[in-house]
Amino acid sequence: IQNTLATNIQHIINIVSLLNFKLYFWFLTIQTTMSAYLEQLNPEQQKAVQHIDGPVMVIAGAGSGKTRMLTCRIVHLLKSGVSPHNILSLTFTNKASKEMRNRIEQIVGESEARSLWMGTFHSVFSKILRFEAEKLNYPSNFTIYDTDDSKSLVRSIIKELNLDKDIYKVGLIRNRISSLKNNFITATGYHNQAELVQSDKITKRTEFG
């Protein structure tokens, strides 16, 4: 019995030692990966990455490594103790966003990378609007129309009101609505601006409002 007990204890010690070695090796690998990201940058890029107190502007041409620098900057912020929930990264395309997230994930791990506010302008702000929809008295399941959707809606309204398609042209009406929105002019505000109303009377679009 004593021999069996001693053998089992020795097995446990061996297993624990092996686990400790694997954990130590994993820790060294992570540390190397976390510090290696700075080595792939030139001195100017390193300055931008390591500047974490206050804003910084980076002006660079195409193919100069902007995406790599931004990726490393996010990694550096995470390494410096900034919560991933407090980092916002906006891109113009889904491809760029996915590429950056994958690079960051390889260095800091999936959990932190997935917690970043990262995506295109449209996707990120759409998510924020859905989270905060109640404060705007909107439902969270609202639909965002693209160009084709909005044109189709304008076309159906023109048809439903039996308006002259040569006067109420779909593209023109859609652009007019977009212009009013960009100037924060609501339907009520439109009727309060005599100049806008008079302009539509002159062009025979009296039903615009």
C-alpha atoms as a PDB file:
ATOM      1  CA  ILE A   1       0.000   0.000   0.000  1.00  0.00           C
ATOM      2  CA  GLN A   2       2.827   2.355   0.900  1.00  0.00           C
ATOM      3  CA  ASN A   3       4.532   1.686  -2.432  1.00  0.00           C
ATOM      4  CA  THR A   4       1.282   2.345  -4.312  1.00  0.00           C
ATOM      5  CA  LEU A   5       0.707   5.561  -2.366  1.00  0.00           C
ATOM      6  CA  ALA A   6       4.247   6.737  -3.008  1.00  0.00           C
ATOM      7  CA  THR A   7       3.888   5.954  -6.712  1.00  0.00           C
ATOM      8  CA  ASN A   8       0.618   7.907  -6.953  1.00  0.00           C
ATOM      9  CA  ILE A   9       2.132  10.870  -5.127  1.00  0.00           C
ATOM     10  CA  GLN A  10       5.097  10.827  -7.518  1.00  0.00           C
ATOM     11  CA  HIS A  11       2.670  10.785 -10.493  1.00  0.00           C
ATOM     12  CA  ILE A  12       0.836  13.791  -9.070  1.00  0.00           C
ATOM     13  CA  ILE A  13       4.116  15.658  -8.554  1.00  0.00           C
ATOM     14  CA  ASN A  14       5.138  14.909 -12.140  1.00  0.00           C
ATOM     15  CA  ILE A  15       1.775  16.114 -13.480  1.00  0.00           C
ATOM     16  CA  VAL A  16       1.931  19.335 -11.436  1.00  0.00           C
ATOM     17  CA  SER A  17       5.500  19.952 -12.591  1.00  0.00           C
ATOM     18  CA  LEU A  18       4.475  19.422 -16.213  1.00  0.00           C
ATOM     19  CA  LEU A  19       1.516  21.805 -15.812  1.00  0.00           C
ATOM     20  CA  ASN A  20       3.744  24.439 -14.207  1.00  0.00           C
ATOM     21  CA  PHE A  21       6.217  24.121 -17.075  1.00  0.00           C
ATOM     22  CA  LYS A  22       3.423  24.476 -19.672  1.00  0.00           C
ATOM     23  CA  LEU A  23       1.974  27.493 -17.856  1.00  0.00           C
ATOM     24  CA  TYR A  24       5.418  29.092 -17.637  1.00  0.00           C
ATOM     25  CA  PHE A  25       6.040  28.437 -21.338  1.00  0.00           C
ATOM     26  CA  TRP A  26       2.616  29.874 -22.197  1.00  0.00           C
ATOM     27  CA  PHE A  27       3.346  32.969 -20.068  1.00  0.00           C
ATOM     28  CA  LEU A  28       6.686  33.525 -21.824  1.00  0.00           C
ATOM     29  CA  THR A  29       5.008  33.114 -25.215  1.00  0.00           C
ATOM     30  CA  ILE A  30       2.338  35.670 -24.329  1.00  0.00           C
ATOM     31  CA  GLN A  31       4.896  38.115 -22.952  1.00  0.00           C
ATOM     32  CA  THR A  32       7.023  37.763 -26.096  1.00  0.00           C
ATOM     33  CA  THR A  33       3.996  38.276 -28.339  1.00  0.00           C
ATOM     34  CA  MET A  34       2.806  41.273 -26.339  1.00  0.00           C
ATOM     35  CA  SER A  35       6.190  43.022 -26.571  1.00  0.00           C
ATOM     36  CA  ALA A  36       7.005  41.981 -30.137  1.00  0.00           C
ATOM     37  CA  TYR A  37       4.289  44.201 -31.612  1.00  0.00           C
ATOM     38  CA  LEU A  38       6.465  47.289 -31.048  1.00  0.00           C
ATOM     39  CA  GLU A  39       9.425  45.764 -32.845  1.00  0.00           C
ATOM     40  CA  GLN A  40       7.577  45.688 -36.182  1.00  0.00           C
ATOM     41  CA  LEU A  41       7.153  49.484 -36.123  1.00  0.00           C
ATOM     42  CA  ASN A  42       9.492  52.258 -37.148  1.00  0.00           C
ATOM     43  CA  PRO A  43      10.436  54.973 -34.584  1.00  0.00           C
ATOM     44  CA  GLU A  44       7.691  57.397 -35.652  1.00  0.00           C
ATOM     45  CA  GLN A  45       5.037  54.674 -35.515  1.00  0.00           C
ATOM     46  CA  GLN A  46       6.270  53.634 -32.068  1.00  0.00           C
ATOM     47  CA  LYS A  47       5.830  57.209 -30.826  1.00  0.00           C
ATOM     48  CA  ALA A  48       2.216  57.237 -32.030  1.00  0.00           C
ATOM     49  CA  VAL A  49       1.503  53.835 -30.488  1.00  0.00           C
ATOM     50  CA  GLN A  50       3.043  54.629 -27.105  1.00  0.00           C
ATOM     51  CA  HIS A  51       1.375  58.033 -26.743  1.00  0.00           C
ATOM     52  CA  ILE A  52      -1.645  57.318 -24.544  1.00  0.00           C
ATOM     53  CA  ASP A  53      -2.120  60.627 -22.677  1.00  0.00           C
ATOM     54  CA  GLY A  54      -4.315  62.910 -24.763  1.00  0.00           C
ATOM     55  CA  PRO A  55      -5.088  62.972 -28.495  1.00  0.00           C
ATOM     56  CA  VAL A  56      -2.637  62.242 -31.277  1.00  0.00           C
ATOM     57  CA  MET A  57      -2.997  62.815 -35.018  1.00  0.00           C
ATOM     58  CA  VAL A  58      -1.260  60.593 -37.551  1.00  0.00           C
ATOM     59  CA  ILE A  59      -0.965  61.756 -41.158  1.00  0.00           C
ATOM     60  CA  ALA A  60       0.349  59.112 -43.538  1.00  0.00           C
ATOM     61  CA  GLY A  61       0.012  58.078 -47.156  1.00  0.00           C
ATOM     62  CA  ALA A  62      -1.341  54.886 -48.681  1.00  0.00           C
ATOM     63  CA  GLY A  63       0.611  51.720 -47.888  1.00  0.00           C
ATOM     64  CA  SER A  64       2.585  53.332 -45.074  1.00  0.00           C
ATOM     65  CA  GLY A  65       1.369  50.941 -42.373  1.00  0.00           C
ATOM     66  CA  LYS A  66      -1.507  52.919 -40.865  1.00  0.00           C
ATOM     67  CA  THR A  67      -3.602  49.840 -40.139  1.00  0.00           C
ATOM     68  CA  ARG A  68      -0.675  48.064 -38.488  1.00  0.00           C
ATOM     69  CA  MET A  69       0.096  51.139 -36.391  1.00  0.00           C
ATOM     70  CA  LEU A  70      -3.543  51.534 -35.277  1.00  0.00           C
ATOM     71  CA  THR A  71      -3.740  47.842 -34.437  1.00  0.00           C
ATOM     72  CA  CYS A  72      -0.594  48.072 -32.326  1.00  0.00           C
ATOM     73  CA  ARG A  73      -1.894  51.228 -30.649  1.00  0.00           C
ATOM     74  CA  ILE A  74      -5.031  49.390 -29.522  1.00  0.00           C
ATOM     75  CA  VAL A  75      -2.900  46.504 -28.251  1.00  0.00           C
ATOM     76  CA  HIS A  76      -0.713  48.983 -26.354  1.00  0.00           C
ATOM     77  CA  LEU A  77      -3.767  50.622 -24.788  1.00  0.00           C
ATOM     78  CA  LEU A  78      -5.022  47.221 -23.637  1.00  0.00           C
ATOM     79  CA  LYS A  79      -1.597  46.343 -22.275  1.00  0.00           C
ATOM     80  CA  SER A  80      -1.531  49.679 -20.432  1.00  0.00           C
ATOM     81  CA  GLY A  81      -4.692  48.750 -18.542  1.00  0.00           C
ATOM     82  CA  VAL A  82      -7.348  50.482 -20.645  1.00  0.00           C
ATOM     83  CA  SER A  83     -10.598  48.516 -20.675  1.00  0.00           C
ATOM     84  CA  PRO A  84     -11.581  47.181 -24.118  1.00  0.00           C
ATOM     85  CA  HIS A  85     -15.063  48.598 -23.455  1.00  0.00           C
ATOM     86  CA  ASN A  86     -13.511  52.093 -23.442  1.00  0.00           C
ATOM     87  CA  ILE A  87     -11.816  51.750 -26.831  1.00  0.00           C
ATOM     88  CA  LEU A  88     -13.650  52.823 -29.991  1.00  0.00           C
ATOM     89  CA  SER A  89     -12.160  51.953 -33.379  1.00  0.00           C
ATOM     90  CA  LEU A  90     -13.967  53.066 -36.536  1.00  0.00           C
ATOM     91  CA  THR A  91     -13.163  51.935 -40.059  1.00  0.00           C
ATOM     92  CA  PHE A  92     -14.621  52.591 -43.502  1.00  0.00           C
ATOM     93  CA  THR A  93     -14.969  48.955 -44.521  1.00  0.00           C
ATOM     94  CA  ASN A  94     -15.941  45.671 -42.851  1.00  0.00           C
ATOM     95  CA  LYS A  95     -12.808  44.094 -44.323  1.00  0.00           C
ATOM     96  CA  ALA A  96     -10.516  46.545 -42.502  1.00  0.00           C
ATOM     97  CA  SER A  97     -12.412  46.103 -39.247  1.00  0.00           C
ATOM     98  CA  LYS A  98     -12.243  42.302 -39.438  1.00  0.00           C
ATOM     99  CA  GLU A  99      -8.547  42.397 -40.283  1.00  0.00           C
ATOM    100  CA  MET A 100      -7.742  44.649 -37.317  1.00  0.00           C
ATOM    101  CA  ARG A 101      -9.805  42.580 -34.894  1.00  0.00           C
ATOM    102  CA  ASN A 102      -8.127  39.357 -36.029  1.00  0.00           C
ATOM    103  CA  ARG A 103      -4.662  40.874 -35.580  1.00  0.00           C
ATOM    104  CA  ILE A 104      -5.515  42.128 -32.106  1.00  0.00           C
ATOM    105  CA  GLU A 105      -7.093  38.794 -31.186  1.00  0.00           C
ATOM    106  CA  GLN A 106      -3.862  36.965 -32.055  1.00  0.00           C
ATOM    107  CA  ILE A 107      -1.960  39.100 -29.551  1.00  0.00           C
ATOM    108  CA  VAL A 108      -4.317  39.761 -26.634  1.00  0.00           C
ATOM    109  CA  GLY A 109      -6.794  36.899 -26.974  1.00  0.00           C
ATOM    110  CA  GLU A 110     -10.351  36.513 -28.220  1.00  0.00           C
ATOM    111  CA  SER A 111     -12.124  37.734 -25.069  1.00  0.00           C
ATOM    112  CA  GLU A 112     -10.573  41.214 -25.006  1.00  0.00           C
ATOM    113  CA  ALA A 113     -10.659  41.596 -28.782  1.00  0.00           C
ATOM    114  CA  ARG A 114     -14.386  40.798 -28.897  1.00  0.00           C
ATOM    115  CA  SER A 115     -15.108  43.391 -26.207  1.00  0.00           C
ATOM    116  CA  LEU A 116     -13.742  46.285 -28.292  1.00  0.00           C
ATOM    117  CA  TRP A 117     -16.097  48.809 -29.876  1.00  0.00           C
ATOM    118  CA  MET A 118     -14.819  48.147 -33.378  1.00  0.00           C
ATOM    119  CA  GLY A 119     -16.490  48.284 -36.774  1.00  0.00           C
ATOM    120  CA  THR A 120     -17.546  50.579 -39.583  1.00  0.00           C
ATOM    121  CA  PHE A 121     -19.074  53.981 -38.827  1.00  0.00           C
ATOM    122  CA  HIS A 122     -22.493  52.676 -39.802  1.00  0.00           C
ATOM    123  CA  SER A 123     -22.385  49.399 -37.873  1.00  0.00           C
ATOM    124  CA  VAL A 124     -21.030  50.887 -34.628  1.00  0.00           C
ATOM    125  CA  PHE A 125     -23.430  53.831 -34.497  1.00  0.00           C
ATOM    126  CA  SER A 126     -26.330  51.613 -35.491  1.00  0.00           C
ATOM    127  CA  LYS A 127     -25.494  49.442 -32.473  1.00  0.00           C
ATOM    128  CA  ILE A 128     -25.323  52.514 -30.204  1.00  0.00           C
ATOM    129  CA  LEU A 129     -28.677  53.763 -31.520  1.00  0.00           C
ATOM    130  CA  ARG A 130     -30.291  50.411 -30.803  1.00  0.00           C
ATOM    131  CA  PHE A 131     -28.873  50.398 -27.257  1.00  0.00           C
ATOM    132  CA  GLU A 132     -30.102  53.945 -26.627  1.00  0.00           C
ATOM    133  CA  ALA A 133     -33.275  53.827 -28.767  1.00  0.00           C
ATOM    134  CA  GLU A 134     -35.574  54.180 -25.769  1.00  0.00           C
ATOM    135  CA  LYS A 135     -34.083  57.586 -24.921  1.00  0.00           C
ATOM    136  CA  LEU A 136     -35.068  58.773 -28.414  1.00  0.00           C
ATOM    137  CA  ASN A 137     -38.551  57.255 -28.167  1.00  0.00           C
ATOM    138  CA  TYR A 138     -37.636  54.812 -30.937  1.00  0.00           C
ATOM    139  CA  PRO A 139     -38.065  51.033 -30.903  1.00  0.00           C
ATOM    140  CA  SER A 140     -34.775  49.123 -30.803  1.00  0.00           C
ATOM    141  CA  ASN A 141     -35.783  47.018 -33.811  1.00  0.00           C
ATOM    142  CA  PHE A 142     -35.901  49.944 -36.242  1.00  0.00           C
ATOM    143  CA  THR A 143     -34.885  49.400 -39.872  1.00  0.00           C
ATOM    144  CA  ILE A 144     -32.275  51.483 -41.669  1.00  0.00           C
ATOM    145  CA  TYR A 145     -33.067  52.054 -45.340  1.00  0.00           C
ATOM    146  CA  ASP A 146     -30.321  52.117 -47.938  1.00  0.00           C
ATOM    147  CA  THR A 147     -30.504  54.193 -51.146  1.00  0.00           C
ATOM    148  CA  ASP A 148     -32.611  51.662 -53.054  1.00  0.00           C
ATOM    149  CA  ASP A 149     -35.003  51.197 -50.123  1.00  0.00           C
ATOM    150  CA  SER A 150     -35.578  54.935 -49.728  1.00  0.00           C
ATOM    151  CA  LYS A 151     -36.105  55.431 -53.468  1.00  0.00           C
ATOM    152  CA  SER A 152     -38.629  52.612 -53.506  1.00  0.00           C
ATOM    153  CA  LEU A 153     -40.514  54.198 -50.599  1.00  0.00           C
ATOM    154  CA  VAL A 154     -40.590  57.636 -52.251  1.00  0.00           C
ATOM    155  CA  ARG A 155     -41.766  56.045 -55.489  1.00  0.00           C
ATOM    156  CA  SER A 156     -44.619  54.243 -53.718  1.00  0.00           C
ATOM    157  CA  ILE A 157     -45.715  57.460 -51.946  1.00  0.00           C
ATOM    158  CA  ILE A 158     -45.746  59.393 -55.239  1.00  0.00           C
ATOM    159  CA  LYS A 159     -47.874  56.658 -56.754  1.00  0.00           C
ATOM    160  CA  GLU A 160     -50.206  56.430 -53.753  1.00  0.00           C
ATOM    161  CA  LEU A 161     -50.846  60.205 -53.760  1.00  0.00           C
ATOM    162  CA  ASN A 162     -51.271  60.141 -57.540  1.00  0.00           C
ATOM    163  CA  LEU A 163     -48.676  62.869 -58.066  1.00  0.00           C
ATOM    164  CA  ASP A 164     -47.161  63.841 -61.395  1.00  0.00           C
ATOM    165  CA  LYS A 165     -43.999  61.744 -61.809  1.00  0.00           C
ATOM    166  CA  ASP A 166     -42.442  64.375 -64.086  1.00  0.00           C
ATOM    167  CA  ILE A 167     -42.718  67.018 -61.361  1.00  0.00           C
ATOM    168  CA  TYR A 168     -42.200  64.807 -58.327  1.00  0.00           C
ATOM    169  CA  LYS A 169     -39.152  62.923 -59.564  1.00  0.00           C
ATOM    170  CA  VAL A 170     -37.981  60.194 -57.207  1.00  0.00           C
ATOM    171  CA  GLY A 171     -34.317  61.195 -57.096  1.00  0.00           C
ATOM    172  CA  LEU A 172     -35.096  64.878 -56.685  1.00  0.00           C
ATOM    173  CA  ILE A 173     -37.608  64.311 -53.855  1.00  0.00           C
ATOM    174  CA  ARG A 174     -35.256  61.920 -52.050  1.00  0.00           C
ATOM    175  CA  ASN A 175     -32.368  64.388 -52.285  1.00  0.00           C
ATOM    176  CA  ARG A 176     -34.599  67.195 -51.029  1.00  0.00           C
ATOM    177  CA  ILE A 177     -35.638  65.167 -48.003  1.00  0.00           C
ATOM    178  CA  SER A 178     -31.996  64.262 -47.344  1.00  0.00           C
ATOM    179  CA  SER A 179     -30.994  67.936 -47.542  1.00  0.00           C
ATOM    180  CA  LEU A 180     -33.696  68.950 -45.068  1.00  0.00           C
ATOM    181  CA  LYS A 181     -32.631  66.202 -42.671  1.00  0.00           C
ATOM    182  CA  ASN A 182     -28.988  67.284 -42.882  1.00  0.00           C
ATOM    183  CA  ASN A 183     -30.092  70.782 -41.925  1.00  0.00           C
ATOM    184  CA  PHE A 184     -32.184  69.453 -39.017  1.00  0.00           C
ATOM    185  CA  ILE A 185     -35.423  70.689 -40.591  1.00  0.00           C
ATOM    186  CA  THR A 186     -38.403  68.582 -39.499  1.00  0.00           C
ATOM    187  CA  ALA A 187     -41.780  68.353 -41.232  1.00  0.00           C
ATOM    188  CA  THR A 188     -43.114  71.000 -38.854  1.00  0.00           C
ATOM    189  CA  GLY A 189     -40.027  73.134 -39.350  1.00  0.00           C
ATOM    190  CA  TYR A 190     -40.477  72.979 -43.107  1.00  0.00           C
ATOM    191  CA  HIS A 191     -43.939  74.594 -42.874  1.00  0.00           C
ATOM    192  CA  ASN A 192     -42.503  77.310 -40.638  1.00  0.00           C
ATOM    193  CA  GLN A 193     -39.980  78.358 -43.298  1.00  0.00           C
ATOM    194  CA  ALA A 194     -41.842  80.445 -45.849  1.00  0.00           C
ATOM    195  CA  GLU A 195     -38.869  80.486 -48.221  1.00  0.00           C
ATOM    196  CA  LEU A 196     -38.891  76.685 -48.583  1.00  0.00           C
ATOM    197  CA  VAL A 197     -42.654  76.545 -49.030  1.00  0.00           C
ATOM    198  CA  GLN A 198     -42.581  79.337 -51.633  1.00  0.00           C
ATOM    199  CA  SER A 199     -39.768  77.582 -53.519  1.00  0.00           C
ATOM    200  CA  ASP A 200     -41.870  74.446 -53.864  1.00  0.00           C
ATOM    201  CA  LYS A 201     -44.885  76.455 -54.988  1.00  0.00           C
ATOM    202  CA  ILE A 202     -42.825  77.990 -57.784  1.00  0.00           C
ATOM    203  CA  THR A 203     -41.690  74.526 -58.955  1.00  0.00           C
ATOM    204  CA  LYS A 204     -45.294  73.228 -58.663  1.00  0.00           C
ATOM    205  CA  ARG A 205     -44.393  70.811 -55.882  1.00  0.00           C
ATOM    206  CA  THR A 206     -47.034  72.073 -53.489  1.00  0.00           C
ATOM    207  CA  GLU A 207     -47.585  68.589 -52.046  1.00  0.00           C
ATOM    208  CA  PHE A 208     -44.002  68.217 -50.904  1.00  0.00           C
ATOM    209  CA  GLY A 209     -44.787  69.295 -47.354  1.00  0.00           C
END
